[in-house]
Amino acid sequence: MNERQPLDRGAIVARAVAFADERGTDALSMRKVAAELGYEVMSLYNHVANKDEMLSLMVDAVAAEVPAPSLDDDPIVAVRTFAIDTRAALVRHPWAASLWSRHLPGPARIQHMEYLLAALAATDMTPADAHLAFHAVTNHVIGYTLQEQAMAYMIPADGDPNDLARSFLAGLSADDLPHTVTHIQQHLDGDTARSFDLVLDLILDGLTSH
């Protein structure tokens, strides 16, 4: 029989993150995480107060995965890279985007904020525009990820993502809704695959030319 690993907050959070990656946060519980670690649930409460605190710690762990931007680079390049890396972390942990704004930032997320704010402060933006840029970039990262996940949720696990779009398209009239039909057809043709990067660049270009 394998010896149990010593129990600490880091081990609990790591196991909870792995559990949520596989089964989502709805299925997550203190008891289940304790069982996977080989402990009784009461042992976890010596390190984590409750499920809500565990979820907050899990989001913080995701933020800690995002590399710090290099301020030796052009500041806008640093912001762009940081946004893309943040989105990548949220894609790796599909449950995290929905919790990002529902929990106060922990140490890693506070540092995450500081990195982005420092990169924006190094641009030619005014402090007021840098403040707005922080929210514009963050909202794009979180909002885009949530929308993408919502679309994926509507698709059966063994289904073709394009089947949903084709089914929706079949019920639309090209005569009455020509622009909407063209838009959905562009999704089917794969023309919008880089829309995250495109909109991010539009945001950054607009802010720097303001």
N, C-alpha and C. Protein backbone atom coordinates (compact mmCIF):
# COMPACT_ATOMS: atom_id res chain seq x y z
N MET A 1 0.84 -1.20 0.00
CA MET A 1 0.00 0.00 0.00
C MET A 1 0.88 1.25 0.00
N ASN A 2 0.55 2.20 -0.91
CA ASN A 2 1.35 3.41 -1.01
C ASN A 2 1.16 4.29 0.22
N GLU A 3 2.25 4.87 0.67
CA GLU A 3 2.18 5.77 1.82
C GLU A 3 1.53 7.08 1.42
N ARG A 4 0.69 7.58 2.29
CA ARG A 4 0.02 8.84 2.00
C ARG A 4 1.02 9.99 2.00
N GLN A 5 0.78 10.94 1.11
CA GLN A 5 1.59 12.15 1.12
C GLN A 5 1.19 13.01 2.30
N PRO A 6 2.13 13.76 2.88
CA PRO A 6 1.77 14.67 3.97
C PRO A 6 0.70 15.65 3.48
N LEU A 7 -0.23 15.95 4.36
CA LEU A 7 -1.34 16.81 3.98
C LEU A 7 -1.00 18.27 4.29
N ASP A 8 -1.13 19.12 3.27
CA ASP A 8 -0.98 20.55 3.47
C ASP A 8 -1.87 21.26 2.46
N ARG A 9 -1.92 22.57 2.57
CA ARG A 9 -2.83 23.33 1.70
C ARG A 9 -2.48 23.15 0.23
N GLY A 10 -1.19 23.13 -0.09
CA GLY A 10 -0.78 22.97 -1.48
C GLY A 10 -1.24 21.65 -2.08
N ALA A 11 -1.12 20.57 -1.31
CA ALA A 11 -1.53 19.26 -1.79
C ALA A 11 -3.04 19.21 -1.99
N ILE A 12 -3.77 19.83 -1.08
CA ILE A 12 -5.23 19.85 -1.18
C ILE A 12 -5.67 20.60 -2.43
N VAL A 13 -5.09 21.78 -2.65
CA VAL A 13 -5.47 22.59 -3.81
C VAL A 13 -5.09 21.89 -5.11
N ALA A 14 -3.92 21.29 -5.17
CA ALA A 14 -3.49 20.59 -6.39
C ALA A 14 -4.44 19.45 -6.72
N ARG A 15 -4.86 18.70 -5.71
CA ARG A 15 -5.79 17.60 -5.93
C ARG A 15 -7.16 18.13 -6.35
N ALA A 16 -7.60 19.22 -5.73
CA ALA A 16 -8.89 19.81 -6.08
C ALA A 16 -8.89 20.33 -7.52
N VAL A 17 -7.79 20.94 -7.95
CA VAL A 17 -7.67 21.42 -9.33
C VAL A 17 -7.76 20.25 -10.30
N ALA A 18 -7.04 19.18 -10.02
CA ALA A 18 -7.07 18.00 -10.90
C ALA A 18 -8.48 17.39 -10.94
N PHE A 19 -9.14 17.35 -9.78
CA PHE A 19 -10.51 16.83 -9.72
C PHE A 19 -11.44 17.68 -10.58
N ALA A 20 -11.36 19.01 -10.43
CA ALA A 20 -12.23 19.90 -11.19
C ALA A 20 -11.95 19.83 -12.69
N ASP A 21 -10.69 19.66 -13.06
CA ASP A 21 -10.35 19.52 -14.48
C ASP A 21 -11.05 18.31 -15.09
N GLU A 22 -11.18 17.26 -14.31
CA GLU A 22 -11.78 16.02 -14.82
C GLU A 22 -13.30 16.01 -14.71
N ARG A 23 -13.83 16.54 -13.59
CA ARG A 23 -15.26 16.37 -13.31
C ARG A 23 -16.02 17.66 -13.05
N GLY A 24 -15.35 18.79 -13.06
CA GLY A 24 -16.03 20.06 -12.84
C GLY A 24 -16.18 20.39 -11.36
N THR A 25 -16.52 21.63 -11.09
CA THR A 25 -16.62 22.07 -9.70
C THR A 25 -17.95 21.70 -9.05
N ASP A 26 -18.98 21.42 -9.85
CA ASP A 26 -20.25 21.01 -9.26
C ASP A 26 -20.10 19.68 -8.52
N ALA A 27 -19.26 18.81 -9.06
CA ALA A 27 -19.05 17.50 -8.43
C ALA A 27 -18.02 17.56 -7.30
N LEU A 28 -17.34 18.67 -7.19
CA LEU A 28 -16.27 18.80 -6.20
C LEU A 28 -16.83 18.95 -4.79
N SER A 29 -16.20 18.29 -3.85
CA SER A 29 -16.56 18.46 -2.43
C SER A 29 -15.32 18.23 -1.59
N MET A 30 -15.34 18.76 -0.39
CA MET A 30 -14.23 18.55 0.54
C MET A 30 -14.05 17.06 0.81
N ARG A 31 -15.16 16.36 0.95
CA ARG A 31 -15.10 14.93 1.25
C ARG A 31 -14.43 14.15 0.13
N LYS A 32 -14.78 14.46 -1.11
CA LYS A 32 -14.22 13.73 -2.25
C LYS A 32 -12.73 14.00 -2.39
N VAL A 33 -12.33 15.25 -2.20
CA VAL A 33 -10.90 15.58 -2.28
C VAL A 33 -10.14 14.87 -1.16
N ALA A 34 -10.72 14.84 0.03
CA ALA A 34 -10.08 14.15 1.15
C ALA A 34 -9.90 12.67 0.84
N ALA A 35 -10.93 12.06 0.28
CA ALA A 35 -10.87 10.63 -0.05
C ALA A 35 -9.77 10.35 -1.06
N GLU A 36 -9.64 11.22 -2.07
CA GLU A 36 -8.61 11.01 -3.08
C GLU A 36 -7.21 11.17 -2.50
N LEU A 37 -7.09 11.98 -1.47
CA LEU A 37 -5.80 12.15 -0.80
C LEU A 37 -5.54 11.08 0.25
N GLY A 38 -6.57 10.28 0.56
CA GLY A 38 -6.41 9.22 1.54
C GLY A 38 -6.61 9.67 2.97
N TYR A 39 -7.38 10.75 3.16
CA TYR A 39 -7.63 11.28 4.50
C TYR A 39 -9.13 11.37 4.77
N GLU A 40 -9.48 11.49 6.03
CA GLU A 40 -10.85 11.81 6.40
C GLU A 40 -11.08 13.30 6.17
N VAL A 41 -12.33 13.65 5.88
CA VAL A 41 -12.63 15.02 5.51
C VAL A 41 -12.25 16.02 6.61
N MET A 42 -12.36 15.62 7.87
CA MET A 42 -12.04 16.55 8.94
C MET A 42 -10.58 17.00 8.92
N SER A 43 -9.72 16.17 8.33
CA SER A 43 -8.31 16.54 8.23
C SER A 43 -8.10 17.74 7.32
N LEU A 44 -8.98 17.88 6.29
CA LEU A 44 -8.84 19.00 5.37
C LEU A 44 -9.17 20.33 6.05
N TYR A 45 -10.08 20.29 7.01
CA TYR A 45 -10.52 21.53 7.64
C TYR A 45 -9.42 22.15 8.51
N ASN A 46 -8.35 21.43 8.76
CA ASN A 46 -7.21 22.01 9.45
C ASN A 46 -6.41 22.94 8.53
N HIS A 47 -6.69 22.84 7.21
CA HIS A 47 -5.92 23.61 6.22
C HIS A 47 -6.79 24.51 5.35
N VAL A 48 -8.02 24.11 5.10
CA VAL A 48 -8.95 24.86 4.25
C VAL A 48 -10.28 24.94 4.97
N ALA A 49 -10.85 26.14 5.07
CA ALA A 49 -12.05 26.34 5.89
C ALA A 49 -13.28 25.64 5.33
N ASN A 50 -13.46 25.69 4.00
CA ASN A 50 -14.66 25.14 3.39
C ASN A 50 -14.48 25.08 1.87
N LYS A 51 -15.50 24.64 1.17
CA LYS A 51 -15.41 24.52 -0.28
C LYS A 51 -15.20 25.88 -0.93
N ASP A 52 -15.85 26.90 -0.41
CA ASP A 52 -15.71 28.23 -1.01
C ASP A 52 -14.26 28.71 -0.96
N GLU A 53 -13.61 28.51 0.16
CA GLU A 53 -12.20 28.89 0.25
C GLU A 53 -11.36 28.03 -0.68
N MET A 54 -11.71 26.76 -0.81
CA MET A 54 -10.96 25.88 -1.69
C MET A 54 -11.07 26.36 -3.15
N LEU A 55 -12.27 26.77 -3.55
CA LEU A 55 -12.45 27.28 -4.91
C LEU A 55 -11.62 28.54 -5.14
N SER A 56 -11.59 29.42 -4.15
CA SER A 56 -10.79 30.63 -4.25
C SER A 56 -9.31 30.30 -4.39
N LEU A 57 -8.84 29.34 -3.62
CA LEU A 57 -7.44 28.91 -3.71
C LEU A 57 -7.14 28.26 -5.05
N MET A 58 -8.11 27.56 -5.61
CA MET A 58 -7.94 26.92 -6.90
C MET A 58 -7.78 27.95 -8.01
N VAL A 59 -8.61 29.00 -7.99
CA VAL A 59 -8.49 30.07 -8.98
C VAL A 59 -7.12 30.74 -8.85
N ASP A 60 -6.68 30.93 -7.62
CA ASP A 60 -5.37 31.54 -7.41
C ASP A 60 -4.27 30.66 -7.98
N ALA A 61 -4.43 29.35 -7.87
CA ALA A 61 -3.44 28.42 -8.42
C ALA A 61 -3.37 28.53 -9.94
N VAL A 62 -4.51 28.75 -10.58
CA VAL A 62 -4.53 28.92 -12.03
C VAL A 62 -3.81 30.21 -12.41
N ALA A 63 -4.06 31.29 -11.67
CA ALA A 63 -3.37 32.55 -11.95
C ALA A 63 -1.86 32.39 -11.81
N ALA A 64 -1.43 31.56 -10.88
CA ALA A 64 0.00 31.35 -10.65
C ALA A 64 0.68 30.64 -11.82
N GLU A 65 -0.10 29.99 -12.67
CA GLU A 65 0.47 29.30 -13.84
C GLU A 65 0.87 30.26 -14.95
N VAL A 66 0.36 31.48 -14.92
CA VAL A 66 0.60 32.43 -16.01
C VAL A 66 1.99 33.07 -15.83
N PRO A 67 2.87 32.92 -16.81
CA PRO A 67 4.22 33.51 -16.67
C PRO A 67 4.16 35.03 -16.58
N ALA A 68 5.05 35.60 -15.81
CA ALA A 68 5.13 37.06 -15.72
C ALA A 68 5.56 37.62 -17.07
N PRO A 69 4.95 38.73 -17.49
CA PRO A 69 5.37 39.33 -18.76
C PRO A 69 6.77 39.92 -18.63
N SER A 70 7.49 39.90 -19.72
CA SER A 70 8.83 40.50 -19.73
C SER A 70 8.72 41.98 -20.05
N LEU A 71 9.07 42.81 -19.10
CA LEU A 71 9.01 44.25 -19.34
C LEU A 71 10.22 44.74 -20.13
N ASP A 72 11.11 43.81 -20.49
CA ASP A 72 12.19 44.16 -21.41
C ASP A 72 11.68 44.25 -22.84
N ASP A 73 10.50 43.62 -23.09
CA ASP A 73 9.88 43.69 -24.41
C ASP A 73 9.11 45.00 -24.55
N ASP A 74 8.64 45.26 -25.76
CA ASP A 74 7.71 46.36 -25.95
C ASP A 74 6.52 46.14 -25.01
N PRO A 75 6.07 47.16 -24.26
CA PRO A 75 5.01 46.96 -23.28
C PRO A 75 3.73 46.38 -23.86
N ILE A 76 3.36 46.81 -25.07
CA ILE A 76 2.14 46.29 -25.68
C ILE A 76 2.30 44.82 -26.05
N VAL A 77 3.50 44.45 -26.49
CA VAL A 77 3.78 43.03 -26.76
C VAL A 77 3.67 42.23 -25.47
N ALA A 78 4.17 42.80 -24.37
CA ALA A 78 4.08 42.13 -23.07
C ALA A 78 2.63 41.94 -22.64
N VAL A 79 1.81 42.98 -22.82
CA VAL A 79 0.39 42.89 -22.47
C VAL A 79 -0.30 41.82 -23.32
N ARG A 80 -0.01 41.84 -24.61
CA ARG A 80 -0.62 40.87 -25.53
C ARG A 80 -0.25 39.44 -25.14
N THR A 81 1.03 39.22 -24.89
CA THR A 81 1.49 37.88 -24.51
C THR A 81 0.86 37.44 -23.19
N PHE A 82 0.77 38.36 -22.25
CA PHE A 82 0.20 38.05 -20.95
C PHE A 82 -1.27 37.68 -21.07
N ALA A 83 -2.01 38.39 -21.92
CA ALA A 83 -3.42 38.08 -22.14
C ALA A 83 -3.59 36.70 -22.77
N ILE A 84 -2.76 36.40 -23.75
CA ILE A 84 -2.84 35.09 -24.43
C ILE A 84 -2.48 33.97 -23.46
N ASP A 85 -1.46 34.18 -22.64
CA ASP A 85 -1.06 33.17 -21.66
C ASP A 85 -2.14 32.97 -20.59
N THR A 86 -2.81 34.06 -20.21
CA THR A 86 -3.89 33.94 -19.23
C THR A 86 -5.04 33.12 -19.80
N ARG A 87 -5.39 33.42 -21.03
CA ARG A 87 -6.46 32.64 -21.69
C ARG A 87 -6.07 31.17 -21.79
N ALA A 88 -4.82 30.88 -22.10
CA ALA A 88 -4.37 29.49 -22.21
C ALA A 88 -4.55 28.76 -20.88
N ALA A 89 -4.25 29.44 -19.77
CA ALA A 89 -4.44 28.82 -18.45
C ALA A 89 -5.91 28.55 -18.18
N LEU A 90 -6.78 29.47 -18.59
CA LEU A 90 -8.21 29.28 -18.39
C LEU A 90 -8.76 28.16 -19.27
N VAL A 91 -8.19 27.98 -20.44
CA VAL A 91 -8.60 26.88 -21.31
C VAL A 91 -8.16 25.55 -20.71
N ARG A 92 -6.99 25.51 -20.10
CA ARG A 92 -6.52 24.27 -19.46
C ARG A 92 -7.42 23.88 -18.29
N HIS A 93 -8.02 24.87 -17.65
CA HIS A 93 -8.87 24.62 -16.48
C HIS A 93 -10.24 25.26 -16.76
N PRO A 94 -11.12 24.56 -17.49
CA PRO A 94 -12.35 25.18 -18.00
C PRO A 94 -13.29 25.73 -16.92
N TRP A 95 -13.15 25.32 -15.70
CA TRP A 95 -14.01 25.78 -14.61
C TRP A 95 -13.57 27.14 -14.07
N ALA A 96 -12.34 27.56 -14.36
CA ALA A 96 -11.75 28.72 -13.68
C ALA A 96 -12.32 30.06 -14.14
N ALA A 97 -12.66 30.18 -15.42
CA ALA A 97 -13.12 31.48 -15.93
C ALA A 97 -14.39 31.93 -15.22
N SER A 98 -15.30 31.01 -14.95
CA SER A 98 -16.56 31.39 -14.31
C SER A 98 -16.37 31.78 -12.85
N LEU A 99 -15.26 31.37 -12.24
CA LEU A 99 -14.99 31.69 -10.84
C LEU A 99 -14.09 32.91 -10.68
N TRP A 100 -13.49 33.36 -11.77
CA TRP A 100 -12.46 34.41 -11.71
C TRP A 100 -12.96 35.68 -11.04
N SER A 101 -14.18 36.09 -11.39
CA SER A 101 -14.72 37.33 -10.84
C SER A 101 -15.64 37.11 -9.65
N ARG A 102 -15.79 35.87 -9.24
CA ARG A 102 -16.68 35.56 -8.12
C ARG A 102 -15.93 35.39 -6.81
N HIS A 103 -14.61 35.47 -6.87
CA HIS A 103 -13.80 35.32 -5.65
C HIS A 103 -12.79 36.45 -5.59
N LEU A 104 -12.58 36.99 -4.40
CA LEU A 104 -11.57 38.01 -4.23
C LEU A 104 -10.19 37.44 -4.58
N PRO A 105 -9.34 38.25 -5.19
CA PRO A 105 -8.01 37.73 -5.57
C PRO A 105 -7.18 37.32 -4.35
N GLY A 106 -6.49 36.19 -4.50
CA GLY A 106 -5.50 35.78 -3.52
C GLY A 106 -4.14 36.30 -3.93
N PRO A 107 -3.07 35.87 -3.27
CA PRO A 107 -1.72 36.39 -3.55
C PRO A 107 -1.30 36.27 -5.02
N ALA A 108 -1.56 35.12 -5.64
CA ALA A 108 -1.12 34.93 -7.03
C ALA A 108 -1.91 35.82 -7.98
N ARG A 109 -3.21 35.95 -7.74
CA ARG A 109 -4.01 36.81 -8.61
C ARG A 109 -3.68 38.29 -8.39
N ILE A 110 -3.36 38.66 -7.18
CA ILE A 110 -2.94 40.05 -6.94
C ILE A 110 -1.65 40.33 -7.70
N GLN A 111 -0.71 39.39 -7.68
CA GLN A 111 0.52 39.56 -8.45
C GLN A 111 0.22 39.56 -9.94
N HIS A 112 -0.74 38.74 -10.37
CA HIS A 112 -1.18 38.71 -11.76
C HIS A 112 -1.68 40.10 -12.17
N MET A 113 -2.50 40.72 -11.32
CA MET A 113 -2.98 42.08 -11.59
C MET A 113 -1.82 43.06 -11.68
N GLU A 114 -0.87 42.93 -10.75
CA GLU A 114 0.27 43.85 -10.72
C GLU A 114 1.09 43.75 -12.00
N TYR A 115 1.29 42.52 -12.50
CA TYR A 115 2.04 42.34 -13.74
C TYR A 115 1.37 43.09 -14.89
N LEU A 116 0.07 42.90 -15.04
CA LEU A 116 -0.64 43.53 -16.15
C LEU A 116 -0.65 45.05 -16.00
N LEU A 117 -0.91 45.52 -14.79
CA LEU A 117 -0.93 46.96 -14.56
C LEU A 117 0.45 47.59 -14.80
N ALA A 118 1.50 46.88 -14.41
CA ALA A 118 2.86 47.40 -14.62
C ALA A 118 3.18 47.49 -16.11
N ALA A 119 2.76 46.47 -16.87
CA ALA A 119 3.01 46.49 -18.31
C ALA A 119 2.26 47.64 -18.97
N LEU A 120 1.02 47.86 -18.55
CA LEU A 120 0.24 48.97 -19.12
C LEU A 120 0.82 50.32 -18.71
N ALA A 121 1.33 50.40 -17.49
CA ALA A 121 1.93 51.65 -17.02
C ALA A 121 3.19 52.00 -17.80
N ALA A 122 3.83 51.00 -18.39
CA ALA A 122 5.06 51.23 -19.15
C ALA A 122 4.80 51.71 -20.57
N THR A 123 3.52 51.74 -20.98
CA THR A 123 3.16 52.25 -22.31
C THR A 123 3.07 53.78 -22.26
N ASP A 124 2.67 54.36 -23.39
CA ASP A 124 2.48 55.81 -23.46
C ASP A 124 1.08 56.23 -23.04
N MET A 125 0.27 55.29 -22.55
CA MET A 125 -1.09 55.62 -22.14
C MET A 125 -1.08 56.53 -20.92
N THR A 126 -2.11 57.34 -20.82
CA THR A 126 -2.31 58.09 -19.59
C THR A 126 -2.73 57.12 -18.49
N PRO A 127 -2.57 57.47 -17.22
CA PRO A 127 -3.02 56.59 -16.15
C PRO A 127 -4.50 56.24 -16.26
N ALA A 128 -5.32 57.20 -16.70
CA ALA A 128 -6.76 56.93 -16.85
C ALA A 128 -7.00 55.89 -17.94
N ASP A 129 -6.28 56.01 -19.07
CA ASP A 129 -6.45 55.04 -20.15
C ASP A 129 -5.89 53.67 -19.76
N ALA A 130 -4.79 53.65 -19.02
CA ALA A 130 -4.22 52.38 -18.56
C ALA A 130 -5.21 51.65 -17.64
N HIS A 131 -5.93 52.43 -16.81
CA HIS A 131 -6.96 51.85 -15.94
C HIS A 131 -8.04 51.18 -16.79
N LEU A 132 -8.51 51.89 -17.81
CA LEU A 132 -9.53 51.34 -18.69
C LEU A 132 -8.99 50.15 -19.49
N ALA A 133 -7.73 50.23 -19.88
CA ALA A 133 -7.13 49.14 -20.65
C ALA A 133 -7.07 47.86 -19.83
N PHE A 134 -6.75 47.99 -18.55
CA PHE A 134 -6.71 46.81 -17.68
C PHE A 134 -8.05 46.08 -17.73
N HIS A 135 -9.13 46.82 -17.60
CA HIS A 135 -10.45 46.19 -17.60
C HIS A 135 -10.84 45.69 -18.99
N ALA A 136 -10.47 46.43 -20.02
CA ALA A 136 -10.80 45.99 -21.38
C ALA A 136 -10.12 44.67 -21.71
N VAL A 137 -8.84 44.56 -21.38
CA VAL A 137 -8.09 43.34 -21.67
C VAL A 137 -8.61 42.18 -20.81
N THR A 138 -8.80 42.43 -19.52
CA THR A 138 -9.28 41.37 -18.63
C THR A 138 -10.68 40.90 -19.03
N ASN A 139 -11.56 41.85 -19.34
CA ASN A 139 -12.92 41.47 -19.73
C ASN A 139 -12.92 40.68 -21.03
N HIS A 140 -12.04 41.02 -21.94
CA HIS A 140 -11.96 40.26 -23.19
C HIS A 140 -11.50 38.83 -22.93
N VAL A 141 -10.47 38.67 -22.12
CA VAL A 141 -9.94 37.34 -21.82
C VAL A 141 -11.02 36.48 -21.16
N ILE A 142 -11.65 37.00 -20.11
CA ILE A 142 -12.65 36.22 -19.37
C ILE A 142 -13.91 36.03 -20.21
N GLY A 143 -14.40 37.12 -20.81
CA GLY A 143 -15.64 37.05 -21.57
C GLY A 143 -15.55 36.14 -22.77
N TYR A 144 -14.45 36.22 -23.51
CA TYR A 144 -14.29 35.37 -24.69
C TYR A 144 -14.25 33.91 -24.28
N THR A 145 -13.51 33.62 -23.22
CA THR A 145 -13.39 32.24 -22.75
C THR A 145 -14.74 31.69 -22.30
N LEU A 146 -15.50 32.50 -21.57
CA LEU A 146 -16.81 32.05 -21.10
C LEU A 146 -17.76 31.80 -22.27
N GLN A 147 -17.74 32.67 -23.27
CA GLN A 147 -18.61 32.47 -24.43
C GLN A 147 -18.24 31.21 -25.18
N GLU A 148 -16.96 30.98 -25.36
CA GLU A 148 -16.49 29.78 -26.05
C GLU A 148 -16.91 28.52 -25.29
N GLN A 149 -16.80 28.57 -23.97
CA GLN A 149 -17.20 27.42 -23.16
C GLN A 149 -18.71 27.19 -23.21
N ALA A 150 -19.48 28.28 -23.24
CA ALA A 150 -20.93 28.16 -23.33
C ALA A 150 -21.34 27.49 -24.64
N MET A 151 -20.67 27.85 -25.73
CA MET A 151 -20.96 27.21 -27.01
C MET A 151 -20.62 25.72 -26.96
N ALA A 152 -19.48 25.40 -26.35
CA ALA A 152 -19.08 23.99 -26.25
C ALA A 152 -20.06 23.19 -25.40
N TYR A 153 -20.66 23.84 -24.40
CA TYR A 153 -21.60 23.16 -23.50
C TYR A 153 -22.84 22.67 -24.27
N MET A 154 -23.21 23.38 -25.35
CA MET A 154 -24.40 23.00 -26.11
C MET A 154 -24.16 21.82 -27.05
N ILE A 155 -22.91 21.44 -27.19
CA ILE A 155 -22.56 20.36 -28.12
C ILE A 155 -22.45 19.04 -27.37
N PRO A 156 -23.13 17.98 -27.81
CA PRO A 156 -23.00 16.67 -27.16
C PRO A 156 -21.55 16.21 -27.12
N ALA A 157 -21.21 15.45 -26.09
CA ALA A 157 -19.81 15.03 -25.90
C ALA A 157 -19.26 14.30 -27.12
N ASP A 158 -20.11 13.53 -27.80
CA ASP A 158 -19.64 12.77 -28.96
C ASP A 158 -20.10 13.41 -30.27
N GLY A 159 -20.50 14.68 -30.22
CA GLY A 159 -21.04 15.34 -31.40
C GLY A 159 -20.01 16.15 -32.16
N ASP A 160 -20.39 16.53 -33.39
CA ASP A 160 -19.57 17.39 -34.23
C ASP A 160 -19.95 18.83 -33.92
N PRO A 161 -18.98 19.68 -33.53
CA PRO A 161 -19.30 21.08 -33.21
C PRO A 161 -20.05 21.79 -34.33
N ASN A 162 -19.77 21.42 -35.58
CA ASN A 162 -20.41 22.09 -36.70
C ASN A 162 -21.86 21.66 -36.91
N ASP A 163 -22.24 20.52 -36.35
CA ASP A 163 -23.62 20.06 -36.51
C ASP A 163 -24.61 21.05 -35.90
N LEU A 164 -24.25 21.62 -34.75
CA LEU A 164 -25.12 22.59 -34.10
C LEU A 164 -25.31 23.82 -34.96
N ALA A 165 -24.21 24.31 -35.54
CA ALA A 165 -24.29 25.49 -36.41
C ALA A 165 -25.10 25.19 -37.67
N ARG A 166 -24.90 24.00 -38.24
CA ARG A 166 -25.65 23.64 -39.45
C ARG A 166 -27.14 23.54 -39.16
N SER A 167 -27.48 22.95 -38.01
CA SER A 167 -28.87 22.81 -37.62
C SER A 167 -29.51 24.19 -37.44
N PHE A 168 -28.79 25.09 -36.79
CA PHE A 168 -29.29 26.45 -36.58
C PHE A 168 -29.44 27.17 -37.91
N LEU A 169 -28.46 27.01 -38.78
CA LEU A 169 -28.45 27.67 -40.08
C LEU A 169 -29.62 27.20 -40.94
N ALA A 170 -29.97 25.92 -40.83
CA ALA A 170 -31.05 25.37 -41.65
C ALA A 170 -32.40 26.03 -41.37
N GLY A 171 -32.55 26.60 -40.18
CA GLY A 171 -33.81 27.24 -39.83
C GLY A 171 -33.86 28.72 -40.15
N LEU A 172 -32.83 29.26 -40.79
CA LEU A 172 -32.77 30.68 -41.10
C LEU A 172 -32.97 30.93 -42.59
N SER A 173 -33.60 32.03 -42.90
CA SER A 173 -33.82 32.42 -44.29
C SER A 173 -32.73 33.40 -44.73
N ALA A 174 -32.03 33.03 -45.79
CA ALA A 174 -30.98 33.90 -46.32
C ALA A 174 -31.57 35.19 -46.90
N ASP A 175 -32.84 35.15 -47.29
CA ASP A 175 -33.49 36.34 -47.83
C ASP A 175 -33.81 37.34 -46.71
N ASP A 176 -34.27 36.81 -45.57
CA ASP A 176 -34.65 37.69 -44.46
C ASP A 176 -33.47 38.09 -43.58
N LEU A 177 -32.48 37.19 -43.46
CA LEU A 177 -31.37 37.40 -42.54
C LEU A 177 -30.03 37.15 -43.23
N PRO A 178 -29.75 37.87 -44.30
CA PRO A 178 -28.55 37.56 -45.10
C PRO A 178 -27.24 37.71 -44.33
N HIS A 179 -27.15 38.72 -43.46
CA HIS A 179 -25.89 38.94 -42.74
C HIS A 179 -25.68 37.87 -41.67
N THR A 180 -26.75 37.47 -41.00
CA THR A 180 -26.64 36.42 -39.98
C THR A 180 -26.28 35.09 -40.61
N VAL A 181 -26.89 34.77 -41.72
CA VAL A 181 -26.57 33.52 -42.42
C VAL A 181 -25.10 33.51 -42.85
N THR A 182 -24.62 34.63 -43.38
CA THR A 182 -23.22 34.72 -43.79
C THR A 182 -22.30 34.56 -42.59
N HIS A 183 -22.67 35.18 -41.47
CA HIS A 183 -21.85 35.10 -40.26
C HIS A 183 -21.72 33.66 -39.79
N ILE A 184 -22.81 32.94 -39.73
CA ILE A 184 -22.76 31.54 -39.27
C ILE A 184 -22.00 30.68 -40.26
N GLN A 185 -22.16 30.96 -41.56
CA GLN A 185 -21.41 30.21 -42.57
C GLN A 185 -19.91 30.44 -42.40
N GLN A 186 -19.53 31.65 -41.98
CA GLN A 186 -18.11 31.92 -41.74
C GLN A 186 -17.58 31.08 -40.59
N HIS A 187 -18.41 30.86 -39.57
CA HIS A 187 -18.01 29.95 -38.50
C HIS A 187 -17.76 28.55 -39.05
N LEU A 188 -18.66 28.09 -39.92
CA LEU A 188 -18.51 26.75 -40.50
C LEU A 188 -17.28 26.67 -41.41
N ASP A 189 -16.95 27.79 -42.03
CA ASP A 189 -15.78 27.80 -42.92
C ASP A 189 -14.47 27.99 -42.17
N GLY A 190 -14.57 28.25 -40.85
CA GLY A 190 -13.37 28.41 -40.03
C GLY A 190 -12.75 29.78 -40.12
N ASP A 191 -13.52 30.78 -40.58
CA ASP A 191 -12.95 32.11 -40.77
C ASP A 191 -12.76 32.88 -39.46
N THR A 192 -13.31 32.39 -38.35
CA THR A 192 -13.26 33.14 -37.10
C THR A 192 -12.36 32.49 -36.06
N ALA A 193 -11.51 31.58 -36.48
CA ALA A 193 -10.68 30.83 -35.53
C ALA A 193 -9.73 31.74 -34.74
N ARG A 194 -9.31 32.85 -35.33
CA ARG A 194 -8.36 33.75 -34.68
C ARG A 194 -9.03 34.98 -34.10
N SER A 195 -10.33 34.88 -33.81
CA SER A 195 -11.04 36.07 -33.37
C SER A 195 -10.56 36.58 -32.02
N PHE A 196 -10.08 35.71 -31.14
CA PHE A 196 -9.57 36.18 -29.85
C PHE A 196 -8.39 37.12 -30.07
N ASP A 197 -7.43 36.69 -30.86
CA ASP A 197 -6.25 37.51 -31.13
C ASP A 197 -6.63 38.79 -31.86
N LEU A 198 -7.55 38.68 -32.82
CA LEU A 198 -7.95 39.85 -33.60
C LEU A 198 -8.56 40.93 -32.70
N VAL A 199 -9.51 40.53 -31.84
CA VAL A 199 -10.17 41.51 -30.98
C VAL A 199 -9.18 42.07 -29.96
N LEU A 200 -8.30 41.22 -29.44
CA LEU A 200 -7.28 41.71 -28.51
C LEU A 200 -6.43 42.79 -29.17
N ASP A 201 -6.02 42.56 -30.41
CA ASP A 201 -5.21 43.54 -31.12
C ASP A 201 -6.00 44.82 -31.39
N LEU A 202 -7.29 44.69 -31.70
CA LEU A 202 -8.12 45.88 -31.90
C LEU A 202 -8.21 46.70 -30.62
N ILE A 203 -8.36 46.02 -29.49
CA ILE A 203 -8.42 46.72 -28.19
C ILE A 203 -7.11 47.46 -27.94
N LEU A 204 -5.99 46.77 -28.10
CA LEU A 204 -4.69 47.38 -27.81
C LEU A 204 -4.36 48.49 -28.80
N ASP A 205 -4.69 48.29 -30.07
CA ASP A 205 -4.42 49.33 -31.08
C ASP A 205 -5.27 50.57 -30.78
N GLY A 206 -6.52 50.34 -30.40
CA GLY A 206 -7.40 51.46 -30.11
C GLY A 206 -6.93 52.24 -28.89
N LEU A 207 -6.47 51.53 -27.89
CA LEU A 207 -6.02 52.20 -26.66
C LEU A 207 -4.73 52.98 -26.88
N THR A 208 -3.81 52.43 -27.66
CA THR A 208 -2.54 53.11 -27.87
C THR A 208 -2.64 54.28 -28.85
N SER A 209 -3.67 54.28 -29.69
CA SER A 209 -3.84 55.39 -30.65
C SER A 209 -4.79 56.45 -30.14
N HIS A 210 -5.34 56.21 -28.93
CA HIS A 210 -6.33 57.13 -28.36
C HIS A 210 -5.70 58.47 -28.00
